[in-house]
Amino acid sequence: MAHVEKLQRLKRFFSPQLAELILAGGADDPLESHRREVTVVFLDLRGFTAFAESAEPEEVMAALSEFHRAMGRRILEFQGTLERFTGDGLMVFFNDPLPIQQPARRAVQMAFAMQEDALKLAAQWKKRGFDLGLGIGIAQGYATVGAIGFEGRIDYGAIGTVTNMANRLCDLAEAGHILASQRVFAEIERGLYADDLGEVALHGFKRPVRAYRLLDFPGAGARE
């Protein structure tokens, strides 16, 4: 495949800068299915269903736009890969298509920065009568990554137990909380303040999973 053609194909999924880096590094085509260890972050707005049922459609769309804009800036800043929008939620993963050092650390840094932004947005929304907050779940493990979909609509996605775990931890997280798996906590235990929640039951998992509520991570506001 010619360089220009491959570059245009990659730009459908990644930023121009990332597409150029992929080609410059001579990496294999990331759109081909491959297995990679990734750190997955799920985030979801708490109180959104009640808000959507009571607010005008224009108010709902305005709030979502503010939310997506703030979260999108952080995804770009911390160089995450956006897997999907689900209206009031997002899935982001790290360490693919290009490997990065300490993906779990990068994911946690982004999560704390996002919660800081979400608190500011929540204060603005509360003045307008909207009670919304952000819940975040983070997990690390192996996933199958690549292009998924059909002709005319193809996305770049990750599939595996790790994505389900991050999703379920997010479901369990209350507004303002960040929940992480034991693997994530073990990767960056030093300097990270957290409550050990012990073994928690997650929907779809036969066995309980050890989880941590992340409380503080000094220096989390800046990408390292």
C-alpha atoms as a PDB file:
ATOM      1  CA  MET A   1       0.000   0.000   0.000  1.00  0.00           C
ATOM      2  CA  ALA A   2       1.417   3.382  -1.027  1.00  0.00           C
ATOM      3  CA  HIS A   3       2.546   5.760   1.739  1.00  0.00           C
ATOM      4  CA  VAL A   4      -0.095   8.413   0.907  1.00  0.00           C
ATOM      5  CA  GLU A   5      -2.889   5.857   0.682  1.00  0.00           C
ATOM      6  CA  LYS A   6      -1.905   4.265   3.993  1.00  0.00           C
ATOM      7  CA  LEU A   7      -1.616   7.674   5.642  1.00  0.00           C
ATOM      8  CA  GLN A   8      -5.121   8.648   4.513  1.00  0.00           C
ATOM      9  CA  ARG A   9      -6.460   5.338   5.814  1.00  0.00           C
ATOM     10  CA  LEU A  10      -4.858   5.834   9.219  1.00  0.00           C
ATOM     11  CA  LYS A  11      -6.137   9.424   9.450  1.00  0.00           C
ATOM     12  CA  ARG A  12      -9.682   8.048   9.483  1.00  0.00           C
ATOM     13  CA  PHE A  13      -8.950   6.629  12.939  1.00  0.00           C
ATOM     14  CA  PHE A  14      -6.078   8.629  14.433  1.00  0.00           C
ATOM     15  CA  SER A  15      -4.851  12.211  14.583  1.00  0.00           C
ATOM     16  CA  PRO A  16      -2.602  13.256  11.650  1.00  0.00           C
ATOM     17  CA  GLN A  17       0.388  13.453  13.994  1.00  0.00           C
ATOM     18  CA  LEU A  18      -0.181   9.911  15.292  1.00  0.00           C
ATOM     19  CA  ALA A  19      -0.740   8.562  11.779  1.00  0.00           C
ATOM     20  CA  GLU A  20       2.590  10.065  10.691  1.00  0.00           C
ATOM     21  CA  LEU A  21       4.354   8.567  13.724  1.00  0.00           C
ATOM     22  CA  ILE A  22       2.953   5.126  12.952  1.00  0.00           C
ATOM     23  CA  LEU A  23       4.257   5.281   9.393  1.00  0.00           C
ATOM     24  CA  ALA A  24       7.589   6.850  10.369  1.00  0.00           C
ATOM     25  CA  GLY A  25       8.203   4.062  12.859  1.00  0.00           C
ATOM     26  CA  GLY A  26       7.647   1.406  10.223  1.00  0.00           C
ATOM     27  CA  ALA A  27       5.083  -0.279  12.474  1.00  0.00           C
ATOM     28  CA  ASP A  28       2.765  -2.988  11.261  1.00  0.00           C
ATOM     29  CA  ASP A  29      -0.667  -1.823  10.152  1.00  0.00           C
ATOM     30  CA  PRO A  30      -2.468  -1.214  13.486  1.00  0.00           C
ATOM     31  CA  LEU A  31      -5.845  -1.724  11.809  1.00  0.00           C
ATOM     32  CA  GLU A  32      -5.052  -5.411  11.363  1.00  0.00           C
ATOM     33  CA  SER A  33      -6.286  -7.445  14.328  1.00  0.00           C
ATOM     34  CA  HIS A  34      -3.560  -7.881  16.963  1.00  0.00           C
ATOM     35  CA  ARG A  35      -3.167  -8.643  20.659  1.00  0.00           C
ATOM     36  CA  ARG A  36      -1.795  -5.982  22.992  1.00  0.00           C
ATOM     37  CA  GLU A  37      -1.690  -5.245  26.714  1.00  0.00           C
ATOM     38  CA  VAL A  38      -3.660  -2.050  27.230  1.00  0.00           C
ATOM     39  CA  THR A  39      -4.961   0.128  30.039  1.00  0.00           C
ATOM     40  CA  VAL A  40      -8.657   0.855  29.526  1.00  0.00           C
ATOM     41  CA  VAL A  41     -10.580   3.819  30.966  1.00  0.00           C
ATOM     42  CA  PHE A  42     -14.385   3.994  30.995  1.00  0.00           C
ATOM     43  CA  LEU A  43     -16.193   7.142  32.063  1.00  0.00           C
ATOM     44  CA  ASP A  44     -19.878   7.833  32.451  1.00  0.00           C
ATOM     45  CA  LEU A  45     -22.032  10.742  33.636  1.00  0.00           C
ATOM     46  CA  ARG A  46     -24.022   9.915  36.767  1.00  0.00           C
ATOM     47  CA  GLY A  47     -27.564  11.318  36.835  1.00  0.00           C
ATOM     48  CA  PHE A  48     -27.709  11.678  33.059  1.00  0.00           C
ATOM     49  CA  THR A  49     -30.815   9.520  32.516  1.00  0.00           C
ATOM     50  CA  ALA A  50     -32.896  11.581  34.952  1.00  0.00           C
ATOM     51  CA  PHE A  51     -31.463  14.759  33.469  1.00  0.00           C
ATOM     52  CA  ALA A  52     -32.325  13.705  29.898  1.00  0.00           C
ATOM     53  CA  GLU A  53     -35.890  12.840  30.928  1.00  0.00           C
ATOM     54  CA  SER A  54     -36.557  16.207  32.565  1.00  0.00           C
ATOM     55  CA  ALA A  55     -34.491  18.698  30.536  1.00  0.00           C
ATOM     56  CA  GLU A  56     -35.159  20.127  27.102  1.00  0.00           C
ATOM     57  CA  PRO A  57     -33.305  18.397  24.226  1.00  0.00           C
ATOM     58  CA  GLU A  58     -31.288  21.550  23.574  1.00  0.00           C
ATOM     59  CA  GLU A  59     -30.105  21.588  27.195  1.00  0.00           C
ATOM     60  CA  VAL A  60     -29.110  17.924  26.996  1.00  0.00           C
ATOM     61  CA  MET A  61     -27.125  18.456  23.802  1.00  0.00           C
ATOM     62  CA  ALA A  62     -25.428  21.554  25.233  1.00  0.00           C
ATOM     63  CA  ALA A  63     -24.347  19.672  28.371  1.00  0.00           C
ATOM     64  CA  LEU A  64     -23.062  16.739  26.312  1.00  0.00           C
ATOM     65  CA  SER A  65     -21.128  19.104  24.072  1.00  0.00           C
ATOM     66  CA  GLU A  66     -19.454  20.716  27.098  1.00  0.00           C
ATOM     67  CA  PHE A  67     -18.666  17.287  28.543  1.00  0.00           C
ATOM     68  CA  HIS A  68     -17.248  15.846  25.315  1.00  0.00           C
ATOM     69  CA  ARG A  69     -15.180  18.968  24.647  1.00  0.00           C
ATOM     70  CA  ALA A  70     -13.587  18.886  28.115  1.00  0.00           C
ATOM     71  CA  MET A  71     -12.934  15.134  28.072  1.00  0.00           C
ATOM     72  CA  GLY A  72     -11.673  15.239  24.478  1.00  0.00           C
ATOM     73  CA  ARG A  73      -9.026  17.809  25.390  1.00  0.00           C
ATOM     74  CA  ARG A  74      -7.718  15.481  28.088  1.00  0.00           C
ATOM     75  CA  ILE A  75      -7.667  12.462  25.755  1.00  0.00           C
ATOM     76  CA  LEU A  76      -5.526  14.423  23.310  1.00  0.00           C
ATOM     77  CA  GLU A  77      -3.302  15.833  26.066  1.00  0.00           C
ATOM     78  CA  PHE A  78      -2.530  12.405  27.526  1.00  0.00           C
ATOM     79  CA  GLN A  79      -2.367  10.715  24.109  1.00  0.00           C
ATOM     80  CA  GLY A  80      -5.101   8.181  24.703  1.00  0.00           C
ATOM     81  CA  THR A  81      -6.924   6.313  21.952  1.00  0.00           C
ATOM     82  CA  LEU A  82     -10.654   7.067  21.882  1.00  0.00           C
ATOM     83  CA  GLU A  83     -12.510   3.817  21.278  1.00  0.00           C
ATOM     84  CA  ARG A  84     -16.097   4.970  21.479  1.00  0.00           C
ATOM     85  CA  PHE A  85     -18.641   7.610  22.423  1.00  0.00           C
ATOM     86  CA  THR A  86     -21.759   6.266  24.126  1.00  0.00           C
ATOM     87  CA  GLY A  87     -23.659   9.520  24.531  1.00  0.00           C
ATOM     88  CA  ASP A  88     -22.949  10.250  28.185  1.00  0.00           C
ATOM     89  CA  GLY A  89     -19.919   7.953  28.306  1.00  0.00           C
ATOM     90  CA  LEU A  90     -16.532   7.308  26.703  1.00  0.00           C
ATOM     91  CA  MET A  91     -14.005   4.494  26.426  1.00  0.00           C
ATOM     92  CA  VAL A  92     -10.302   5.305  26.054  1.00  0.00           C
ATOM     93  CA  PHE A  93      -7.288   3.005  26.058  1.00  0.00           C
ATOM     94  CA  PHE A  94      -3.516   3.400  26.265  1.00  0.00           C
ATOM     95  CA  ASN A  95      -0.535   1.532  24.759  1.00  0.00           C
ATOM     96  CA  ASP A  96      -1.987   1.092  21.278  1.00  0.00           C
ATOM     97  CA  PRO A  97      -1.537   1.793  18.376  1.00  0.00           C
ATOM     98  CA  LEU A  98       1.872   3.011  19.603  1.00  0.00           C
ATOM     99  CA  PRO A  99       3.443   1.583  22.760  1.00  0.00           C
ATOM    100  CA  ILE A 100       3.978   4.069  25.590  1.00  0.00           C
ATOM    101  CA  GLN A 101       5.859   3.810  28.850  1.00  0.00           C
ATOM    102  CA  GLN A 102       3.725   3.231  31.953  1.00  0.00           C
ATOM    103  CA  PRO A 103       0.280   3.229  30.308  1.00  0.00           C
ATOM    104  CA  ALA A 104      -1.452   2.656  33.649  1.00  0.00           C
ATOM    105  CA  ARG A 105       0.182   5.752  35.099  1.00  0.00           C
ATOM    106  CA  ARG A 106      -0.854   7.799  32.072  1.00  0.00           C
ATOM    107  CA  ALA A 107      -4.443   6.524  32.360  1.00  0.00           C
ATOM    108  CA  VAL A 108      -4.674   7.410  36.054  1.00  0.00           C
ATOM    109  CA  GLN A 109      -3.205  10.858  35.450  1.00  0.00           C
ATOM    110  CA  MET A 110      -5.858  11.458  32.779  1.00  0.00           C
ATOM    111  CA  ALA A 111      -8.631  10.200  35.047  1.00  0.00           C
ATOM    112  CA  PHE A 112      -7.735  12.643  37.833  1.00  0.00           C
ATOM    113  CA  ALA A 113      -7.509  15.507  35.337  1.00  0.00           C
ATOM    114  CA  MET A 114     -10.922  14.541  33.949  1.00  0.00           C
ATOM    115  CA  GLN A 115     -12.481  14.469  37.410  1.00  0.00           C
ATOM    116  CA  GLU A 116     -11.105  17.944  38.070  1.00  0.00           C
ATOM    117  CA  ASP A 117     -12.721  19.192  34.850  1.00  0.00           C
ATOM    118  CA  ALA A 118     -15.950  17.350  35.643  1.00  0.00           C
ATOM    119  CA  LEU A 119     -16.204  19.026  39.051  1.00  0.00           C
ATOM    120  CA  LYS A 120     -16.003  22.437  37.393  1.00  0.00           C
ATOM    121  CA  LEU A 121     -18.657  21.441  34.863  1.00  0.00           C
ATOM    122  CA  ALA A 122     -20.869  19.991  37.614  1.00  0.00           C
ATOM    123  CA  ALA A 123     -20.769  23.305  39.481  1.00  0.00           C
ATOM    124  CA  GLN A 124     -21.911  25.125  36.330  1.00  0.00           C
ATOM    125  CA  TRP A 125     -24.620  22.551  35.641  1.00  0.00           C
ATOM    126  CA  LYS A 126     -25.877  22.753  39.232  1.00  0.00           C
ATOM    127  CA  LYS A 127     -26.512  26.485  38.774  1.00  0.00           C
ATOM    128  CA  ARG A 128     -28.787  25.504  35.879  1.00  0.00           C
ATOM    129  CA  GLY A 129     -30.546  22.886  37.988  1.00  0.00           C
ATOM    130  CA  PHE A 130     -28.714  19.829  36.630  1.00  0.00           C
ATOM    131  CA  ASP A 131     -27.228  17.304  39.060  1.00  0.00           C
ATOM    132  CA  LEU A 132     -24.519  15.461  37.100  1.00  0.00           C
ATOM    133  CA  GLY A 133     -21.206  13.866  38.111  1.00  0.00           C
ATOM    134  CA  LEU A 134     -18.538  11.654  36.582  1.00  0.00           C
ATOM    135  CA  GLY A 135     -17.763   8.027  37.425  1.00  0.00           C
ATOM    136  CA  ILE A 136     -14.573   6.396  36.101  1.00  0.00           C
ATOM    137  CA  GLY A 137     -13.323   2.799  35.944  1.00  0.00           C
ATOM    138  CA  ILE A 138      -9.797   1.688  34.969  1.00  0.00           C
ATOM    139  CA  ALA A 139      -8.415  -1.795  34.244  1.00  0.00           C
ATOM    140  CA  GLN A 140      -5.323  -3.248  32.605  1.00  0.00           C
ATOM    141  CA  GLY A 141      -4.865  -6.469  30.644  1.00  0.00           C
ATOM    142  CA  TYR A 142      -4.641  -8.001  27.196  1.00  0.00           C
ATOM    143  CA  ALA A 143      -7.158  -7.235  24.462  1.00  0.00           C
ATOM    144  CA  THR A 144      -7.593  -7.911  20.770  1.00  0.00           C
ATOM    145  CA  VAL A 145      -7.266  -4.553  19.031  1.00  0.00           C
ATOM    146  CA  GLY A 146      -7.912  -3.444  15.448  1.00  0.00           C
ATOM    147  CA  ALA A 147     -10.512  -2.235  12.994  1.00  0.00           C
ATOM    148  CA  ILE A 148     -14.053  -3.449  13.651  1.00  0.00           C
ATOM    149  CA  GLY A 149     -17.293  -2.809  11.785  1.00  0.00           C
ATOM    150  CA  PHE A 150     -18.446  -3.150   8.202  1.00  0.00           C
ATOM    151  CA  GLU A 151     -17.942  -1.437   4.864  1.00  0.00           C
ATOM    152  CA  GLY A 152     -18.873   2.231   5.189  1.00  0.00           C
ATOM    153  CA  ARG A 153     -18.606   2.253   9.000  1.00  0.00           C
ATOM    154  CA  ILE A 154     -15.394   1.020  10.571  1.00  0.00           C
ATOM    155  CA  ASP A 155     -14.097   1.950  14.021  1.00  0.00           C
ATOM    156  CA  TYR A 156     -10.879   1.194  15.887  1.00  0.00           C
ATOM    157  CA  GLY A 157     -11.674  -0.911  18.916  1.00  0.00           C
ATOM    158  CA  ALA A 158     -10.395  -3.155  21.704  1.00  0.00           C
ATOM    159  CA  ILE A 159     -12.177  -6.331  22.758  1.00  0.00           C
ATOM    160  CA  GLY A 160     -11.476  -8.466  25.809  1.00  0.00           C
ATOM    161  CA  THR A 161     -12.072  -9.076  29.499  1.00  0.00           C
ATOM    162  CA  VAL A 162     -10.099  -5.931  30.372  1.00  0.00           C
ATOM    163  CA  THR A 163     -12.633  -3.700  28.603  1.00  0.00           C
ATOM    164  CA  ASN A 164     -15.512  -5.409  30.415  1.00  0.00           C
ATOM    165  CA  MET A 165     -13.765  -4.976  33.759  1.00  0.00           C
ATOM    166  CA  ALA A 166     -13.160  -1.267  33.220  1.00  0.00           C
ATOM    167  CA  ASN A 167     -16.786  -0.871  32.170  1.00  0.00           C
ATOM    168  CA  ARG A 168     -18.128  -2.664  35.256  1.00  0.00           C
ATOM    169  CA  LEU A 169     -15.814  -0.732  37.592  1.00  0.00           C
ATOM    170  CA  CYS A 170     -17.163   2.438  36.007  1.00  0.00           C
ATOM    171  CA  ASP A 171     -20.725   1.208  36.639  1.00  0.00           C
ATOM    172  CA  LEU A 172     -19.813   0.751  40.302  1.00  0.00           C
ATOM    173  CA  ALA A 173     -18.160   4.162  40.671  1.00  0.00           C
ATOM    174  CA  GLU A 174     -20.191   6.944  42.250  1.00  0.00           C
ATOM    175  CA  ALA A 175     -20.077  10.515  40.975  1.00  0.00           C
ATOM    176  CA  GLY A 176     -16.612  11.936  41.564  1.00  0.00           C
ATOM    177  CA  HIS A 177     -15.027   8.519  42.122  1.00  0.00           C
ATOM    178  CA  ILE A 178     -12.290   6.678  40.224  1.00  0.00           C
ATOM    179  CA  LEU A 179     -12.207   2.893  40.679  1.00  0.00           C
ATOM    180  CA  ALA A 180      -9.233   0.839  39.493  1.00  0.00           C
ATOM    181  CA  SER A 181      -8.426  -2.838  39.263  1.00  0.00           C
ATOM    182  CA  GLN A 182      -5.691  -4.466  41.351  1.00  0.00           C
ATOM    183  CA  ARG A 183      -3.450  -4.673  38.280  1.00  0.00           C
ATOM    184  CA  VAL A 184      -3.630  -0.906  37.727  1.00  0.00           C
ATOM    185  CA  PHE A 185      -2.979  -0.140  41.393  1.00  0.00           C
ATOM    186  CA  ALA A 186       0.010  -2.515  41.493  1.00  0.00           C
ATOM    187  CA  GLU A 187       1.550  -0.879  38.419  1.00  0.00           C
ATOM    188  CA  ILE A 188       1.768   2.564  40.048  1.00  0.00           C
ATOM    189  CA  GLU A 189       1.314   1.935  43.771  1.00  0.00           C
ATOM    190  CA  ARG A 190       4.091   4.335  44.755  1.00  0.00           C
ATOM    191  CA  GLY A 191       2.763   7.855  45.289  1.00  0.00           C
ATOM    192  CA  LEU A 192      -0.845   6.831  44.683  1.00  0.00           C
ATOM    193  CA  TYR A 193      -3.322   7.231  47.544  1.00  0.00           C
ATOM    194  CA  ALA A 194      -6.236   4.808  47.464  1.00  0.00           C
ATOM    195  CA  ASP A 195      -8.830   2.963  49.532  1.00  0.00           C
ATOM    196  CA  ASP A 196      -8.695  -0.812  49.206  1.00  0.00           C
ATOM    197  CA  LEU A 197     -12.316  -1.833  48.572  1.00  0.00           C
ATOM    198  CA  GLY A 198     -11.486  -5.523  48.870  1.00  0.00           C
ATOM    199  CA  GLU A 199     -13.239  -8.077  46.689  1.00  0.00           C
ATOM    200  CA  VAL A 200     -16.211  -6.589  44.825  1.00  0.00           C
ATOM    201  CA  ALA A 201     -18.812  -8.366  42.699  1.00  0.00           C
ATOM    202  CA  LEU A 202     -18.911  -7.176  39.082  1.00  0.00           C
ATOM    203  CA  HIS A 203     -21.738  -8.055  36.720  1.00  0.00           C
ATOM    204  CA  GLY A 204     -20.587 -10.670  34.204  1.00  0.00           C
ATOM    205  CA  PHE A 205     -17.627 -11.871  36.305  1.00  0.00           C
ATOM    206  CA  LYS A 206     -17.927 -15.240  38.060  1.00  0.00           C
ATOM    207  CA  ARG A 207     -15.443 -14.326  40.765  1.00  0.00           C
ATOM    208  CA  PRO A 208     -15.183 -11.125  42.818  1.00  0.00           C
ATOM    209  CA  VAL A 209     -12.542  -8.648  41.678  1.00  0.00           C
ATOM    210  CA  ARG A 210     -10.252  -6.656  43.967  1.00  0.00           C
ATOM    211  CA  ALA A 211     -10.788  -2.945  43.438  1.00  0.00           C
ATOM    212  CA  TYR A 212      -9.391   0.343  44.710  1.00  0.00           C
ATOM    213  CA  ARG A 213     -10.921   3.777  44.959  1.00  0.00           C
ATOM    214  CA  LEU A 214      -8.217   6.214  43.883  1.00  0.00           C
ATOM    215  CA  LEU A 215      -8.081   9.254  46.160  1.00  0.00           C
ATOM    216  CA  ASP A 216      -5.065  11.328  45.147  1.00  0.00           C
ATOM    217  CA  PHE A 217      -2.116  11.185  42.800  1.00  0.00           C
ATOM    218  CA  PRO A 218       0.301  14.114  43.267  1.00  0.00           C
ATOM    219  CA  GLY A 219       1.330  15.545  39.920  1.00  0.00           C
ATOM    220  CA  ALA A 220      -1.603  13.873  38.147  1.00  0.00           C
ATOM    221  CA  GLY A 221      -2.611  17.089  36.418  1.00  0.00           C
ATOM    222  CA  ALA A 222       0.373  17.078  34.067  1.00  0.00           C
ATOM    223  CA  ARG A 223       1.381  14.404  31.558  1.00  0.00           C
ATOM    224  CA  GLU A 224       4.775  12.863  32.228  1.00  0.00           C
END
